[in-house]
Amino acid sequence: MSDIGLTYQDMHDAGDHLIAEHERMERELDDLKTYVDNLVEDGYVTAESSKAFQESYEEFSAGVKQTLEGMQGMGNFLHAAADGFEEQDISLKNAIQGN
């Protein structure tokens, strides 16, 4: 039973995918914020509740963006882990060969 099995490129690909999805989702959140802003300026205007809705949406959006930063961090981790494993493997090979 092996204790480790990995493919550096698969890890880099997954890291790239997580980072790209983070960026895509942030753009989508920005688009949705613009949509909500326009709504409360023109389509949903009340003395109190529309403002409260907008504030609530901004709070929600900020929380989602904070969560998405975790996704980017996970992508960065995969890149660093792949690089670290590859460097360690080369270092072990060099030690075995007496380099």
N, C-alpha and C. Protein backbone atom coordinates (compact mmCIF):
# COMPACT_ATOMS: atom_id res chain seq x y z
N MET A 1 0.84 -1.18 0.00
CA MET A 1 0.00 0.00 0.00
C MET A 1 0.89 1.24 0.00
N SER A 2 0.66 2.11 -0.95
CA SER A 2 1.51 3.30 -1.03
C SER A 2 1.04 4.37 -0.05
N ASP A 3 2.00 5.11 0.46
CA ASP A 3 1.69 6.21 1.37
C ASP A 3 1.53 7.53 0.64
N ILE A 4 1.98 7.57 -0.60
CA ILE A 4 1.87 8.81 -1.36
C ILE A 4 1.73 8.48 -2.84
N GLY A 5 0.93 9.22 -3.49
CA GLY A 5 0.77 9.13 -4.94
C GLY A 5 0.23 10.45 -5.43
N LEU A 6 0.96 11.11 -6.28
CA LEU A 6 0.50 12.40 -6.78
C LEU A 6 1.09 12.67 -8.15
N THR A 7 0.43 13.56 -8.85
CA THR A 7 0.90 14.02 -10.15
C THR A 7 1.01 15.53 -10.05
N TYR A 8 2.22 16.04 -10.20
CA TYR A 8 2.44 17.47 -10.03
C TYR A 8 1.53 18.29 -10.95
N GLN A 9 1.43 17.87 -12.20
CA GLN A 9 0.61 18.64 -13.14
C GLN A 9 -0.86 18.63 -12.75
N ASP A 10 -1.35 17.50 -12.24
CA ASP A 10 -2.75 17.45 -11.78
C ASP A 10 -2.97 18.44 -10.64
N MET A 11 -2.00 18.54 -9.75
CA MET A 11 -2.11 19.47 -8.63
C MET A 11 -2.09 20.91 -9.14
N HIS A 12 -1.20 21.20 -10.09
CA HIS A 12 -1.15 22.55 -10.67
C HIS A 12 -2.44 22.87 -11.43
N ASP A 13 -2.94 21.89 -12.18
CA ASP A 13 -4.20 22.10 -12.91
C ASP A 13 -5.35 22.40 -11.95
N ALA A 14 -5.42 21.65 -10.87
CA ALA A 14 -6.48 21.88 -9.88
C ALA A 14 -6.31 23.25 -9.23
N GLY A 15 -5.08 23.63 -8.92
CA GLY A 15 -4.82 24.95 -8.36
C GLY A 15 -5.25 26.05 -9.31
N ASP A 16 -4.90 25.90 -10.59
CA ASP A 16 -5.32 26.88 -11.60
C ASP A 16 -6.83 26.97 -11.69
N HIS A 17 -7.49 25.81 -11.63
CA HIS A 17 -8.95 25.78 -11.75
C HIS A 17 -9.60 26.50 -10.56
N LEU A 18 -9.13 26.22 -9.36
CA LEU A 18 -9.69 26.89 -8.18
C LEU A 18 -9.50 28.40 -8.26
N ILE A 19 -8.32 28.83 -8.68
CA ILE A 19 -8.04 30.27 -8.77
C ILE A 19 -8.92 30.91 -9.84
N ALA A 20 -9.05 30.25 -10.99
CA ALA A 20 -9.88 30.79 -12.07
C ALA A 20 -11.35 30.88 -11.64
N GLU A 21 -11.83 29.86 -10.95
CA GLU A 21 -13.22 29.88 -10.48
C GLU A 21 -13.42 30.97 -9.43
N HIS A 22 -12.43 31.18 -8.59
CA HIS A 22 -12.50 32.27 -7.61
C HIS A 22 -12.68 33.60 -8.34
N GLU A 23 -11.88 33.82 -9.37
CA GLU A 23 -11.95 35.08 -10.11
C GLU A 23 -13.29 35.21 -10.84
N ARG A 24 -13.78 34.11 -11.43
CA ARG A 24 -15.06 34.14 -12.15
C ARG A 24 -16.20 34.45 -11.18
N MET A 25 -16.18 33.80 -10.02
CA MET A 25 -17.25 34.00 -9.05
C MET A 25 -17.22 35.42 -8.48
N GLU A 26 -16.04 35.98 -8.29
CA GLU A 26 -15.96 37.37 -7.82
C GLU A 26 -16.54 38.33 -8.85
N ARG A 27 -16.25 38.09 -10.13
CA ARG A 27 -16.84 38.93 -11.18
C ARG A 27 -18.36 38.80 -11.17
N GLU A 28 -18.85 37.58 -10.99
CA GLU A 28 -20.30 37.36 -10.94
C GLU A 28 -20.92 38.09 -9.75
N LEU A 29 -20.26 38.05 -8.61
CA LEU A 29 -20.77 38.78 -7.44
C LEU A 29 -20.81 40.28 -7.70
N ASP A 30 -19.78 40.80 -8.37
CA ASP A 30 -19.77 42.22 -8.70
C ASP A 30 -20.93 42.57 -9.63
N ASP A 31 -21.18 41.71 -10.62
CA ASP A 31 -22.31 41.92 -11.53
C ASP A 31 -23.64 41.89 -10.77
N LEU A 32 -23.77 40.96 -9.85
CA LEU A 32 -24.99 40.87 -9.06
C LEU A 32 -25.18 42.09 -8.16
N LYS A 33 -24.09 42.60 -7.61
CA LYS A 33 -24.18 43.80 -6.79
C LYS A 33 -24.68 44.97 -7.62
N THR A 34 -24.16 45.11 -8.84
CA THR A 34 -24.64 46.16 -9.73
C THR A 34 -26.13 45.99 -10.01
N TYR A 35 -26.54 44.75 -10.22
CA TYR A 35 -27.95 44.45 -10.48
C TYR A 35 -28.82 44.86 -9.29
N VAL A 36 -28.39 44.50 -8.09
CA VAL A 36 -29.14 44.85 -6.88
C VAL A 36 -29.14 46.37 -6.67
N ASP A 37 -27.99 47.00 -6.90
CA ASP A 37 -27.92 48.46 -6.77
C ASP A 37 -28.92 49.14 -7.70
N ASN A 38 -28.98 48.67 -8.94
CA ASN A 38 -29.93 49.23 -9.90
C ASN A 38 -31.37 48.97 -9.47
N LEU A 39 -31.61 47.79 -8.93
CA LEU A 39 -32.95 47.45 -8.48
C LEU A 39 -33.43 48.41 -7.40
N VAL A 40 -32.60 48.66 -6.40
CA VAL A 40 -33.04 49.51 -5.29
C VAL A 40 -33.01 51.00 -5.65
N GLU A 41 -32.45 51.33 -6.79
CA GLU A 41 -32.51 52.71 -7.27
C GLU A 41 -33.75 52.95 -8.13
N ASP A 42 -34.27 51.88 -8.75
CA ASP A 42 -35.33 52.10 -9.73
C ASP A 42 -36.52 51.15 -9.59
N GLY A 43 -36.29 49.88 -9.30
CA GLY A 43 -37.37 48.90 -9.34
C GLY A 43 -37.93 48.50 -7.99
N TYR A 44 -37.19 48.75 -6.94
CA TYR A 44 -37.63 48.40 -5.58
C TYR A 44 -37.21 49.55 -4.68
N VAL A 45 -38.03 50.58 -4.63
CA VAL A 45 -37.71 51.77 -3.87
C VAL A 45 -38.80 51.97 -2.82
N THR A 46 -38.38 51.89 -1.56
CA THR A 46 -39.29 52.15 -0.44
C THR A 46 -38.57 53.06 0.54
N ALA A 47 -39.30 53.51 1.52
CA ALA A 47 -38.70 54.39 2.53
C ALA A 47 -37.66 53.65 3.37
N GLU A 48 -37.88 52.38 3.63
CA GLU A 48 -37.00 51.66 4.54
C GLU A 48 -36.51 50.30 4.02
N SER A 49 -37.42 49.46 3.56
CA SER A 49 -37.04 48.06 3.29
C SER A 49 -36.07 47.91 2.12
N SER A 50 -36.16 48.76 1.11
CA SER A 50 -35.22 48.61 -0.01
C SER A 50 -33.79 48.90 0.43
N LYS A 51 -33.64 49.91 1.30
CA LYS A 51 -32.30 50.21 1.83
C LYS A 51 -31.79 49.06 2.69
N ALA A 52 -32.67 48.51 3.50
CA ALA A 52 -32.29 47.38 4.35
C ALA A 52 -31.91 46.17 3.49
N PHE A 53 -32.66 45.96 2.41
CA PHE A 53 -32.35 44.86 1.51
C PHE A 53 -30.97 45.05 0.90
N GLN A 54 -30.68 46.27 0.44
CA GLN A 54 -29.38 46.54 -0.17
C GLN A 54 -28.25 46.33 0.84
N GLU A 55 -28.42 46.80 2.05
CA GLU A 55 -27.41 46.61 3.09
C GLU A 55 -27.21 45.13 3.39
N SER A 56 -28.30 44.40 3.45
CA SER A 56 -28.22 42.96 3.70
C SER A 56 -27.50 42.25 2.57
N TYR A 57 -27.78 42.65 1.34
CA TYR A 57 -27.10 42.03 0.20
C TYR A 57 -25.61 42.34 0.22
N GLU A 58 -25.25 43.57 0.56
CA GLU A 58 -23.83 43.94 0.63
C GLU A 58 -23.11 43.12 1.69
N GLU A 59 -23.76 42.90 2.81
CA GLU A 59 -23.17 42.07 3.88
C GLU A 59 -23.01 40.62 3.40
N PHE A 60 -24.03 40.11 2.75
CA PHE A 60 -23.97 38.76 2.19
C PHE A 60 -22.84 38.65 1.18
N SER A 61 -22.75 39.62 0.28
CA SER A 61 -21.73 39.60 -0.77
C SER A 61 -20.33 39.64 -0.18
N ALA A 62 -20.14 40.46 0.85
CA ALA A 62 -18.83 40.54 1.51
C ALA A 62 -18.46 39.20 2.13
N GLY A 63 -19.43 38.52 2.73
CA GLY A 63 -19.16 37.20 3.32
C GLY A 63 -18.79 36.17 2.27
N VAL A 64 -19.48 36.21 1.14
CA VAL A 64 -19.17 35.27 0.06
C VAL A 64 -17.77 35.55 -0.48
N LYS A 65 -17.42 36.83 -0.65
CA LYS A 65 -16.08 37.16 -1.14
C LYS A 65 -15.00 36.67 -0.18
N GLN A 66 -15.26 36.78 1.10
CA GLN A 66 -14.30 36.28 2.09
C GLN A 66 -14.15 34.77 1.95
N THR A 67 -15.25 34.07 1.75
CA THR A 67 -15.20 32.63 1.54
C THR A 67 -14.43 32.29 0.27
N LEU A 68 -14.65 33.07 -0.78
CA LEU A 68 -13.97 32.82 -2.04
C LEU A 68 -12.46 33.02 -1.92
N GLU A 69 -12.04 33.90 -1.04
CA GLU A 69 -10.61 34.07 -0.81
C GLU A 69 -10.00 32.77 -0.31
N GLY A 70 -10.78 32.00 0.45
CA GLY A 70 -10.33 30.68 0.89
C GLY A 70 -10.11 29.75 -0.29
N MET A 71 -10.96 29.86 -1.31
CA MET A 71 -10.81 29.04 -2.50
C MET A 71 -9.51 29.39 -3.22
N GLN A 72 -9.22 30.68 -3.31
CA GLN A 72 -7.96 31.09 -3.94
C GLN A 72 -6.78 30.58 -3.12
N GLY A 73 -6.89 30.66 -1.80
CA GLY A 73 -5.83 30.14 -0.93
C GLY A 73 -5.60 28.66 -1.12
N MET A 74 -6.68 27.91 -1.33
CA MET A 74 -6.54 26.47 -1.57
C MET A 74 -5.83 26.22 -2.91
N GLY A 75 -6.16 27.02 -3.91
CA GLY A 75 -5.47 26.89 -5.20
C GLY A 75 -3.99 27.19 -5.07
N ASN A 76 -3.67 28.26 -4.33
CA ASN A 76 -2.26 28.60 -4.11
C ASN A 76 -1.55 27.50 -3.33
N PHE A 77 -2.25 26.90 -2.36
CA PHE A 77 -1.66 25.80 -1.60
C PHE A 77 -1.31 24.63 -2.52
N LEU A 78 -2.20 24.28 -3.44
CA LEU A 78 -1.92 23.16 -4.34
C LEU A 78 -0.68 23.42 -5.18
N HIS A 79 -0.52 24.66 -5.64
CA HIS A 79 0.70 25.00 -6.39
C HIS A 79 1.94 24.84 -5.51
N ALA A 80 1.87 25.38 -4.31
CA ALA A 80 3.02 25.30 -3.40
C ALA A 80 3.32 23.86 -3.01
N ALA A 81 2.28 23.07 -2.76
CA ALA A 81 2.49 21.67 -2.38
C ALA A 81 3.11 20.89 -3.53
N ALA A 82 2.62 21.09 -4.74
CA ALA A 82 3.19 20.39 -5.90
C ALA A 82 4.66 20.76 -6.06
N ASP A 83 4.96 22.05 -5.97
CA ASP A 83 6.35 22.49 -6.09
C ASP A 83 7.21 21.90 -4.97
N GLY A 84 6.68 21.90 -3.75
CA GLY A 84 7.43 21.36 -2.62
C GLY A 84 7.71 19.88 -2.75
N PHE A 85 6.69 19.11 -3.17
CA PHE A 85 6.90 17.67 -3.37
C PHE A 85 7.92 17.41 -4.46
N GLU A 86 7.83 18.18 -5.55
CA GLU A 86 8.76 17.97 -6.65
C GLU A 86 10.19 18.32 -6.22
N GLU A 87 10.36 19.42 -5.50
CA GLU A 87 11.69 19.80 -5.01
C GLU A 87 12.24 18.75 -4.05
N GLN A 88 11.38 18.24 -3.17
CA GLN A 88 11.82 17.21 -2.22
C GLN A 88 12.23 15.94 -2.95
N ASP A 89 11.48 15.56 -3.96
CA ASP A 89 11.80 14.37 -4.74
C ASP A 89 13.15 14.51 -5.42
N ILE A 90 13.41 15.68 -5.99
CA ILE A 90 14.70 15.94 -6.64
C ILE A 90 15.81 15.93 -5.60
N SER A 91 15.56 16.53 -4.44
CA SER A 91 16.55 16.55 -3.37
C SER A 91 16.88 15.14 -2.89
N LEU A 92 15.87 14.29 -2.76
CA LEU A 92 16.11 12.90 -2.35
C LEU A 92 16.91 12.15 -3.41
N LYS A 93 16.58 12.38 -4.68
CA LYS A 93 17.33 11.74 -5.76
C LYS A 93 18.80 12.17 -5.70
N ASN A 94 19.04 13.46 -5.52
CA ASN A 94 20.41 13.96 -5.45
C ASN A 94 21.15 13.39 -4.25
N ALA A 95 20.47 13.23 -3.12
CA ALA A 95 21.10 12.64 -1.94
C ALA A 95 21.46 11.19 -2.19
N ILE A 96 20.59 10.47 -2.88
CA ILE A 96 20.87 9.07 -3.20
C ILE A 96 22.07 8.96 -4.12
N GLN A 97 22.14 9.88 -5.07
CA GLN A 97 23.23 9.85 -6.05
C GLN A 97 24.50 10.51 -5.52
N GLY A 98 24.44 11.06 -4.33
CA GLY A 98 25.61 11.70 -3.73
C GLY A 98 25.91 13.06 -4.32
N ASN A 99 24.92 13.71 -4.89
CA ASN A 99 25.13 15.05 -5.49
C ASN A 99 24.94 16.14 -4.47
